[in-house]
Amino acid sequence: MATILTLADSILAALLLAIGATAVLSNRDPLALASLAVSLTVAYVATIRPSVKRPRLLVTLDDIRCSPPTLRAHSPSWFVRLRVTNHGLTVAKGCIGRLLGVWTEQAINLEKFDPLTLYWARYDSHTGYKSVDIQAQGDFEYLDVLQAKAGNSTPLFLRVVIPDPMTLPRGPEESASPGIAPTLRPGKYYFKLGAFSENANPALQWLEIDCKGDFPESCADRAPCSVQLVRPPHGIRHSSDQV
């Protein structure tokens, strides 16, 4: 993007030089040429340059990471997270991550989770939630989506912000997400996610997460889930989806 901005600046400078040369070498009205030069400069500074410099968010998939247990009797946790990168030339301000929907493998929408804010890595209910600024030219932050942990009846825990006194709707006991906790039974699910900023276009992605429930006892073992970015699955596509 820096190269494009330099090129755009150079093109404007060349146009202004050409207008100046025309004013000197021709009999055309210099006031009209000066007005043209001013108009081009104002249009460039007001619209084109800010558009080129604006933040540009890209959401990609990070490797599944394992967190060893802090106590001997506890189990390790695996975290599914996304990398949100700013490829623009200015800071992306007030960035938030949103869970926009969860669907089962049978394309059933779990309305319990529509929509919720996701925690950035290193934040949780103990530290509290806040948005982040992502610096320009390749800076990034990690966005947590899901924590998988052995030993729980519903071992897939969504890393969503639930501020007091808010509670989630209660899921039926036989459903993919029973009770009011932000949890899922083992299985395959499709997540629609988005990264948003005060001064950038949203970056949307679909994620397929498949956790069958075979949870290892150590971080040295393979991850219990497979994760991939996908196109909107058949049967749950929306006209506004972007991948």
C-alpha atoms as a PDB file:
ATOM      1  CA  MET A   1       0.000   0.000   0.000  1.00  0.00           C
ATOM      2  CA  ALA A   2       2.894   2.375   0.649  1.00  0.00           C
ATOM      3  CA  THR A   3       4.002   1.882  -2.959  1.00  0.00           C
ATOM      4  CA  ILE A   4       0.520   2.714  -4.239  1.00  0.00           C
ATOM      5  CA  LEU A   5       0.424   5.864  -2.114  1.00  0.00           C
ATOM      6  CA  THR A   6       3.831   6.972  -3.418  1.00  0.00           C
ATOM      7  CA  LEU A   7       2.679   6.339  -6.983  1.00  0.00           C
ATOM      8  CA  ALA A   8      -0.525   8.339  -6.435  1.00  0.00           C
ATOM      9  CA  ASP A   9       1.483  11.255  -4.969  1.00  0.00           C
ATOM     10  CA  SER A  10       3.816  11.135  -7.965  1.00  0.00           C
ATOM     11  CA  ILE A  11       0.937  11.166 -10.444  1.00  0.00           C
ATOM     12  CA  LEU A  12      -0.591  14.227  -8.761  1.00  0.00           C
ATOM     13  CA  ALA A  13       2.773  16.019  -8.775  1.00  0.00           C
ATOM     14  CA  ALA A  14       3.223  15.220 -12.482  1.00  0.00           C
ATOM     15  CA  LEU A  15      -0.270  16.540 -13.278  1.00  0.00           C
ATOM     16  CA  LEU A  16       0.384  19.778 -11.394  1.00  0.00           C
ATOM     17  CA  LEU A  17       3.715  20.235 -13.193  1.00  0.00           C
ATOM     18  CA  ALA A  18       2.000  19.630 -16.525  1.00  0.00           C
ATOM     19  CA  ILE A  19      -0.663  22.217 -15.698  1.00  0.00           C
ATOM     20  CA  GLY A  20       2.029  24.703 -14.675  1.00  0.00           C
ATOM     21  CA  ALA A  21       3.970  24.121 -17.878  1.00  0.00           C
ATOM     22  CA  THR A  22       0.824  24.568 -19.929  1.00  0.00           C
ATOM     23  CA  ALA A  23       0.160  27.900 -18.205  1.00  0.00           C
ATOM     24  CA  VAL A  24       3.672  29.125 -19.083  1.00  0.00           C
ATOM     25  CA  LEU A  25       3.907  27.811 -22.648  1.00  0.00           C
ATOM     26  CA  SER A  26       0.389  28.465 -23.918  1.00  0.00           C
ATOM     27  CA  ASN A  27      -2.032  31.324 -24.176  1.00  0.00           C
ATOM     28  CA  ARG A  28      -4.663  29.591 -22.053  1.00  0.00           C
ATOM     29  CA  ASP A  29      -6.204  31.469 -19.149  1.00  0.00           C
ATOM     30  CA  PRO A  30      -3.823  31.010 -16.173  1.00  0.00           C
ATOM     31  CA  LEU A  31      -6.670  31.505 -13.692  1.00  0.00           C
ATOM     32  CA  ALA A  32      -8.586  28.617 -15.238  1.00  0.00           C
ATOM     33  CA  LEU A  33      -5.501  26.392 -15.083  1.00  0.00           C
ATOM     34  CA  ALA A  34      -4.828  27.408 -11.481  1.00  0.00           C
ATOM     35  CA  SER A  35      -8.431  26.602 -10.606  1.00  0.00           C
ATOM     36  CA  LEU A  36      -8.017  23.170 -12.224  1.00  0.00           C
ATOM     37  CA  ALA A  37      -4.834  22.544 -10.233  1.00  0.00           C
ATOM     38  CA  VAL A  38      -6.520  23.516  -6.976  1.00  0.00           C
ATOM     39  CA  SER A  39      -9.539  21.312  -7.734  1.00  0.00           C
ATOM     40  CA  LEU A  40      -7.323  18.292  -8.466  1.00  0.00           C
ATOM     41  CA  THR A  41      -5.336  18.829  -5.281  1.00  0.00           C
ATOM     42  CA  VAL A  42      -8.411  19.214  -3.094  1.00  0.00           C
ATOM     43  CA  ALA A  43     -10.072  16.134  -4.600  1.00  0.00           C
ATOM     44  CA  TYR A  44      -6.929  14.076  -4.089  1.00  0.00           C
ATOM     45  CA  VAL A  45      -6.287  15.217  -0.521  1.00  0.00           C
ATOM     46  CA  ALA A  46      -9.949  14.922   0.515  1.00  0.00           C
ATOM     47  CA  THR A  47     -10.882  11.600  -1.094  1.00  0.00           C
ATOM     48  CA  ILE A  48      -8.224   9.577  -2.914  1.00  0.00           C
ATOM     49  CA  ARG A  49      -5.349   9.843  -0.427  1.00  0.00           C
ATOM     50  CA  PRO A  50      -7.432   8.985   2.674  1.00  0.00           C
ATOM     51  CA  SER A  51      -8.915   5.999   0.820  1.00  0.00           C
ATOM     52  CA  VAL A  52      -5.454   4.671  -0.036  1.00  0.00           C
ATOM     53  CA  LYS A  53      -4.148   5.253   3.509  1.00  0.00           C
ATOM     54  CA  ARG A  54      -7.118   3.821   5.412  1.00  0.00           C
ATOM     55  CA  PRO A  55      -6.748   0.673   7.543  1.00  0.00           C
ATOM     56  CA  ARG A  56      -7.413  -2.651   5.824  1.00  0.00           C
ATOM     57  CA  LEU A  57      -8.256  -5.605   8.054  1.00  0.00           C
ATOM     58  CA  LEU A  58      -7.608  -9.208   7.039  1.00  0.00           C
ATOM     59  CA  VAL A  59      -8.787 -12.209   9.081  1.00  0.00           C
ATOM     60  CA  THR A  60      -6.713 -15.405   8.828  1.00  0.00           C
ATOM     61  CA  LEU A  61      -6.535 -18.638  10.789  1.00  0.00           C
ATOM     62  CA  ASP A  62      -3.920 -19.131  13.495  1.00  0.00           C
ATOM     63  CA  ASP A  63      -2.562 -22.513  14.587  1.00  0.00           C
ATOM     64  CA  ILE A  64      -4.490 -24.245  17.363  1.00  0.00           C
ATOM     65  CA  ARG A  65      -2.590 -23.529  20.574  1.00  0.00           C
ATOM     66  CA  CYS A  66      -2.453 -25.656  23.699  1.00  0.00           C
ATOM     67  CA  SER A  67      -2.278 -24.210  27.203  1.00  0.00           C
ATOM     68  CA  PRO A  68      -0.874 -26.648  29.806  1.00  0.00           C
ATOM     69  CA  PRO A  69      -2.909 -27.134  32.997  1.00  0.00           C
ATOM     70  CA  THR A  70      -2.069 -24.760  35.831  1.00  0.00           C
ATOM     71  CA  LEU A  71      -2.934 -27.373  38.467  1.00  0.00           C
ATOM     72  CA  ARG A  72      -1.981 -31.059  38.435  1.00  0.00           C
ATOM     73  CA  ALA A  73      -5.598 -32.267  38.524  1.00  0.00           C
ATOM     74  CA  HIS A  74      -6.633 -30.040  35.611  1.00  0.00           C
ATOM     75  CA  SER A  75      -6.624 -30.812  31.886  1.00  0.00           C
ATOM     76  CA  PRO A  76      -4.902 -28.897  29.076  1.00  0.00           C
ATOM     77  CA  SER A  77      -6.903 -26.462  26.959  1.00  0.00           C
ATOM     78  CA  TRP A  78      -6.723 -25.919  23.209  1.00  0.00           C
ATOM     79  CA  PHE A  79      -7.561 -22.490  21.830  1.00  0.00           C
ATOM     80  CA  VAL A  80      -8.969 -21.790  18.359  1.00  0.00           C
ATOM     81  CA  ARG A  81      -8.104 -18.230  17.413  1.00  0.00           C
ATOM     82  CA  LEU A  82      -7.890 -15.926  14.429  1.00  0.00           C
ATOM     83  CA  ARG A  83      -5.218 -13.445  13.447  1.00  0.00           C
ATOM     84  CA  VAL A  84      -6.565  -9.995  12.585  1.00  0.00           C
ATOM     85  CA  THR A  85      -3.963  -8.039  10.589  1.00  0.00           C
ATOM     86  CA  ASN A  86      -4.021  -4.409   9.508  1.00  0.00           C
ATOM     87  CA  HIS A  87      -2.444  -4.144   6.049  1.00  0.00           C
ATOM     88  CA  GLY A  88      -3.319  -0.460   5.707  1.00  0.00           C
ATOM     89  CA  LEU A  89      -1.172   2.621   6.264  1.00  0.00           C
ATOM     90  CA  THR A  90      -2.982   4.034   9.304  1.00  0.00           C
ATOM     91  CA  VAL A  91      -4.042   2.665  12.681  1.00  0.00           C
ATOM     92  CA  ALA A  92      -7.257   0.640  12.838  1.00  0.00           C
ATOM     93  CA  LYS A  93      -8.998   2.166  15.863  1.00  0.00           C
ATOM     94  CA  GLY A  94     -11.352   0.511  18.309  1.00  0.00           C
ATOM     95  CA  CYS A  95     -11.200  -2.971  16.762  1.00  0.00           C
ATOM     96  CA  ILE A  96     -13.665  -5.581  17.983  1.00  0.00           C
ATOM     97  CA  GLY A  97     -14.315  -9.180  16.994  1.00  0.00           C
ATOM     98  CA  ARG A  98     -17.861 -10.480  16.673  1.00  0.00           C
ATOM     99  CA  LEU A  99     -19.414 -13.905  16.567  1.00  0.00           C
ATOM    100  CA  LEU A 100     -22.225 -13.393  14.047  1.00  0.00           C
ATOM    101  CA  GLY A 101     -23.700 -16.881  14.072  1.00  0.00           C
ATOM    102  CA  VAL A 102     -23.173 -20.574  14.822  1.00  0.00           C
ATOM    103  CA  TRP A 103     -24.646 -23.432  12.773  1.00  0.00           C
ATOM    104  CA  THR A 104     -24.562 -27.171  13.300  1.00  0.00           C
ATOM    105  CA  GLU A 105     -23.415 -29.638  10.656  1.00  0.00           C
ATOM    106  CA  GLN A 106     -27.121 -29.997   9.738  1.00  0.00           C
ATOM    107  CA  ALA A 107     -27.306 -26.219   9.028  1.00  0.00           C
ATOM    108  CA  ILE A 108     -29.349 -25.506  12.167  1.00  0.00           C
ATOM    109  CA  ASN A 109     -28.746 -21.981  13.431  1.00  0.00           C
ATOM    110  CA  LEU A 110     -28.060 -21.842  17.181  1.00  0.00           C
ATOM    111  CA  GLU A 111     -29.800 -18.544  17.851  1.00  0.00           C
ATOM    112  CA  LYS A 112     -28.465 -18.580  21.396  1.00  0.00           C
ATOM    113  CA  PHE A 113     -25.240 -17.058  20.010  1.00  0.00           C
ATOM    114  CA  ASP A 114     -26.587 -14.343  17.635  1.00  0.00           C
ATOM    115  CA  PRO A 115     -24.507 -12.127  17.853  1.00  0.00           C
ATOM    116  CA  LEU A 116     -21.853 -11.761  20.558  1.00  0.00           C
ATOM    117  CA  THR A 117     -18.516 -10.017  21.036  1.00  0.00           C
ATOM    118  CA  LEU A 118     -15.377 -12.177  21.209  1.00  0.00           C
ATOM    119  CA  TYR A 119     -12.458 -11.752  23.589  1.00  0.00           C
ATOM    120  CA  TRP A 120      -9.093 -10.732  22.246  1.00  0.00           C
ATOM    121  CA  ALA A 121      -6.298 -13.064  23.374  1.00  0.00           C
ATOM    122  CA  ARG A 122      -5.079 -12.460  26.944  1.00  0.00           C
ATOM    123  CA  TYR A 123      -8.439 -10.997  27.978  1.00  0.00           C
ATOM    124  CA  ASP A 124     -11.229 -12.781  29.817  1.00  0.00           C
ATOM    125  CA  SER A 125     -13.985 -12.192  32.345  1.00  0.00           C
ATOM    126  CA  HIS A 126     -11.374 -11.569  35.056  1.00  0.00           C
ATOM    127  CA  THR A 127      -9.452  -8.865  33.205  1.00  0.00           C
ATOM    128  CA  GLY A 128     -12.534  -7.393  31.559  1.00  0.00           C
ATOM    129  CA  TYR A 129     -13.110  -6.687  27.885  1.00  0.00           C
ATOM    130  CA  LYS A 130     -11.837  -3.795  25.784  1.00  0.00           C
ATOM    131  CA  SER A 131     -11.408  -3.034  22.112  1.00  0.00           C
ATOM    132  CA  VAL A 132      -7.890  -2.742  20.667  1.00  0.00           C
ATOM    133  CA  ASP A 133      -6.065  -0.492  18.230  1.00  0.00           C
ATOM    134  CA  ILE A 134      -4.118  -2.385  15.535  1.00  0.00           C
ATOM    135  CA  GLN A 135      -1.178  -0.442  14.173  1.00  0.00           C
ATOM    136  CA  ALA A 136      -0.454  -0.023  10.456  1.00  0.00           C
ATOM    137  CA  GLN A 137       1.567  -2.011   7.913  1.00  0.00           C
ATOM    138  CA  GLY A 138       1.208  -5.559   9.214  1.00  0.00           C
ATOM    139  CA  ASP A 139       0.517  -5.213  12.927  1.00  0.00           C
ATOM    140  CA  PHE A 140      -1.928  -7.837  14.227  1.00  0.00           C
ATOM    141  CA  GLU A 141      -3.871  -9.098  17.213  1.00  0.00           C
ATOM    142  CA  TYR A 142      -5.201 -12.557  18.051  1.00  0.00           C
ATOM    143  CA  LEU A 143      -8.947 -13.045  18.415  1.00  0.00           C
ATOM    144  CA  ASP A 144     -10.072 -16.013  20.514  1.00  0.00           C
ATOM    145  CA  VAL A 145     -13.016 -18.034  19.207  1.00  0.00           C
ATOM    146  CA  LEU A 146     -13.207 -21.272  21.170  1.00  0.00           C
ATOM    147  CA  GLN A 147     -11.530 -23.139  24.029  1.00  0.00           C
ATOM    148  CA  ALA A 148     -11.649 -26.948  24.007  1.00  0.00           C
ATOM    149  CA  LYS A 149     -11.027 -28.724  27.295  1.00  0.00           C
ATOM    150  CA  ALA A 150     -11.231 -32.357  28.342  1.00  0.00           C
ATOM    151  CA  GLY A 151     -13.240 -33.449  31.333  1.00  0.00           C
ATOM    152  CA  ASN A 152     -16.317 -31.288  30.739  1.00  0.00           C
ATOM    153  CA  SER A 153     -19.731 -32.574  29.690  1.00  0.00           C
ATOM    154  CA  THR A 154     -19.865 -29.731  27.142  1.00  0.00           C
ATOM    155  CA  PRO A 155     -16.136 -29.247  26.475  1.00  0.00           C
ATOM    156  CA  LEU A 156     -16.284 -26.555  23.773  1.00  0.00           C
ATOM    157  CA  PHE A 157     -16.366 -23.149  25.426  1.00  0.00           C
ATOM    158  CA  LEU A 158     -16.980 -20.092  23.246  1.00  0.00           C
ATOM    159  CA  ARG A 159     -14.760 -17.135  24.146  1.00  0.00           C
ATOM    160  CA  VAL A 160     -17.594 -14.620  24.117  1.00  0.00           C
ATOM    161  CA  VAL A 161     -18.189 -11.568  26.271  1.00  0.00           C
ATOM    162  CA  ILE A 162     -21.233 -11.915  28.553  1.00  0.00           C
ATOM    163  CA  PRO A 163     -21.326  -8.810  30.754  1.00  0.00           C
ATOM    164  CA  ASP A 164     -23.339  -8.877  33.982  1.00  0.00           C
ATOM    165  CA  PRO A 165     -26.286  -9.115  34.330  1.00  0.00           C
ATOM    166  CA  MET A 166     -26.702 -10.476  30.797  1.00  0.00           C
ATOM    167  CA  THR A 167     -27.382 -14.195  30.372  1.00  0.00           C
ATOM    168  CA  LEU A 168     -27.751 -16.350  27.273  1.00  0.00           C
ATOM    169  CA  PRO A 169     -31.062 -18.015  26.370  1.00  0.00           C
ATOM    170  CA  ARG A 170     -31.316 -21.515  27.817  1.00  0.00           C
ATOM    171  CA  GLY A 171     -30.749 -24.301  25.320  1.00  0.00           C
ATOM    172  CA  PRO A 172     -32.763 -27.535  25.691  1.00  0.00           C
ATOM    173  CA  GLU A 173     -30.882 -30.383  27.362  1.00  0.00           C
ATOM    174  CA  GLU A 174     -30.895 -32.430  24.138  1.00  0.00           C
ATOM    175  CA  SER A 175     -29.588 -29.542  22.006  1.00  0.00           C
ATOM    176  CA  ALA A 176     -26.053 -28.853  20.763  1.00  0.00           C
ATOM    177  CA  SER A 177     -25.725 -26.192  23.475  1.00  0.00           C
ATOM    178  CA  PRO A 178     -27.707 -27.109  26.597  1.00  0.00           C
ATOM    179  CA  GLY A 179     -28.189 -24.640  29.439  1.00  0.00           C
ATOM    180  CA  ILE A 180     -27.221 -20.961  29.518  1.00  0.00           C
ATOM    181  CA  ALA A 181     -23.416 -21.339  29.384  1.00  0.00           C
ATOM    182  CA  PRO A 182     -21.616 -20.418  26.111  1.00  0.00           C
ATOM    183  CA  THR A 183     -20.702 -24.055  25.426  1.00  0.00           C
ATOM    184  CA  LEU A 184     -21.137 -26.646  22.701  1.00  0.00           C
ATOM    185  CA  ARG A 185     -21.156 -30.419  22.665  1.00  0.00           C
ATOM    186  CA  PRO A 186     -18.398 -32.092  20.589  1.00  0.00           C
ATOM    187  CA  GLY A 187     -19.198 -32.007  16.878  1.00  0.00           C
ATOM    188  CA  LYS A 188     -18.783 -30.050  13.665  1.00  0.00           C
ATOM    189  CA  TYR A 189     -19.935 -26.436  13.577  1.00  0.00           C
ATOM    190  CA  TYR A 190     -19.807 -23.456  11.253  1.00  0.00           C
ATOM    191  CA  PHE A 191     -19.018 -20.020  12.648  1.00  0.00           C
ATOM    192  CA  LYS A 192     -19.614 -16.691  10.940  1.00  0.00           C
ATOM    193  CA  LEU A 193     -17.155 -14.151  12.343  1.00  0.00           C
ATOM    194  CA  GLY A 194     -16.223 -10.544  11.721  1.00  0.00           C
ATOM    195  CA  ALA A 195     -13.541  -8.027  12.687  1.00  0.00           C
ATOM    196  CA  PHE A 196     -14.694  -4.410  12.847  1.00  0.00           C
ATOM    197  CA  SER A 197     -12.993  -1.048  13.324  1.00  0.00           C
ATOM    198  CA  GLU A 198     -14.111   2.553  13.720  1.00  0.00           C
ATOM    199  CA  ASN A 199     -12.289   3.566  10.528  1.00  0.00           C
ATOM    200  CA  ALA A 200     -12.030   0.446   8.346  1.00  0.00           C
ATOM    201  CA  ASN A 201     -14.337  -1.807   6.361  1.00  0.00           C
ATOM    202  CA  PRO A 202     -15.370  -5.011   8.185  1.00  0.00           C
ATOM    203  CA  ALA A 203     -13.500  -8.242   7.496  1.00  0.00           C
ATOM    204  CA  LEU A 204     -15.780 -11.301   7.507  1.00  0.00           C
ATOM    205  CA  GLN A 205     -14.909 -14.988   7.551  1.00  0.00           C
ATOM    206  CA  TRP A 206     -16.538 -18.406   7.861  1.00  0.00           C
ATOM    207  CA  LEU A 207     -14.867 -21.011  10.050  1.00  0.00           C
ATOM    208  CA  GLU A 208     -15.464 -24.766  10.173  1.00  0.00           C
ATOM    209  CA  ILE A 209     -14.569 -26.274  13.547  1.00  0.00           C
ATOM    210  CA  ASP A 210     -14.720 -30.053  13.980  1.00  0.00           C
ATOM    211  CA  CYS A 211     -14.138 -31.371  17.518  1.00  0.00           C
ATOM    212  CA  LYS A 212     -15.145 -35.008  17.889  1.00  0.00           C
ATOM    213  CA  GLY A 213     -14.544 -35.260  21.624  1.00  0.00           C
ATOM    214  CA  ASP A 214     -11.290 -37.285  21.678  1.00  0.00           C
ATOM    215  CA  PHE A 215      -9.320 -35.057  24.052  1.00  0.00           C
ATOM    216  CA  PRO A 216      -5.661 -35.933  24.750  1.00  0.00           C
ATOM    217  CA  GLU A 217      -4.170 -35.722  28.217  1.00  0.00           C
ATOM    218  CA  SER A 218      -1.130 -33.681  27.202  1.00  0.00           C
ATOM    219  CA  CYS A 219      -0.223 -30.703  25.012  1.00  0.00           C
ATOM    220  CA  ALA A 220       2.358 -32.966  23.376  1.00  0.00           C
ATOM    221  CA  ASP A 221      -0.457 -34.943  21.748  1.00  0.00           C
ATOM    222  CA  ARG A 222      -2.362 -33.883  18.644  1.00  0.00           C
ATOM    223  CA  ALA A 223      -5.007 -31.182  18.859  1.00  0.00           C
ATOM    224  CA  PRO A 224      -8.550 -32.534  19.407  1.00  0.00           C
ATOM    225  CA  CYS A 225     -10.073 -30.251  16.759  1.00  0.00           C
ATOM    226  CA  SER A 226      -9.625 -29.575  13.066  1.00  0.00           C
ATOM    227  CA  VAL A 227     -10.229 -26.017  11.893  1.00  0.00           C
ATOM    228  CA  GLN A 228     -10.363 -24.401   8.466  1.00  0.00           C
ATOM    229  CA  LEU A 229     -11.619 -21.281   6.741  1.00  0.00           C
ATOM    230  CA  VAL A 230     -14.479 -22.118   4.387  1.00  0.00           C
ATOM    231  CA  ARG A 231     -16.971 -20.511   2.064  1.00  0.00           C
ATOM    232  CA  PRO A 232     -20.503 -20.078   3.419  1.00  0.00           C
ATOM    233  CA  PRO A 233     -21.827 -23.657   3.731  1.00  0.00           C
ATOM    234  CA  HIS A 234     -24.699 -24.753   1.528  1.00  0.00           C
ATOM    235  CA  GLY A 235     -28.068 -23.918   3.033  1.00  0.00           C
ATOM    236  CA  ILE A 236     -26.934 -21.071   5.275  1.00  0.00           C
ATOM    237  CA  ARG A 237     -25.490 -18.615   2.745  1.00  0.00           C
ATOM    238  CA  HIS A 238     -26.396 -14.944   3.021  1.00  0.00           C
ATOM    239  CA  SER A 239     -26.202 -12.321   0.259  1.00  0.00           C
ATOM    240  CA  SER A 240     -23.926 -10.106   2.370  1.00  0.00           C
ATOM    241  CA  ASP A 241     -21.328 -12.806   3.102  1.00  0.00           C
ATOM    242  CA  GLN A 242     -17.748 -12.150   2.104  1.00  0.00           C
ATOM    243  CA  VAL A 243     -14.807 -14.541   2.299  1.00  0.00           C
END
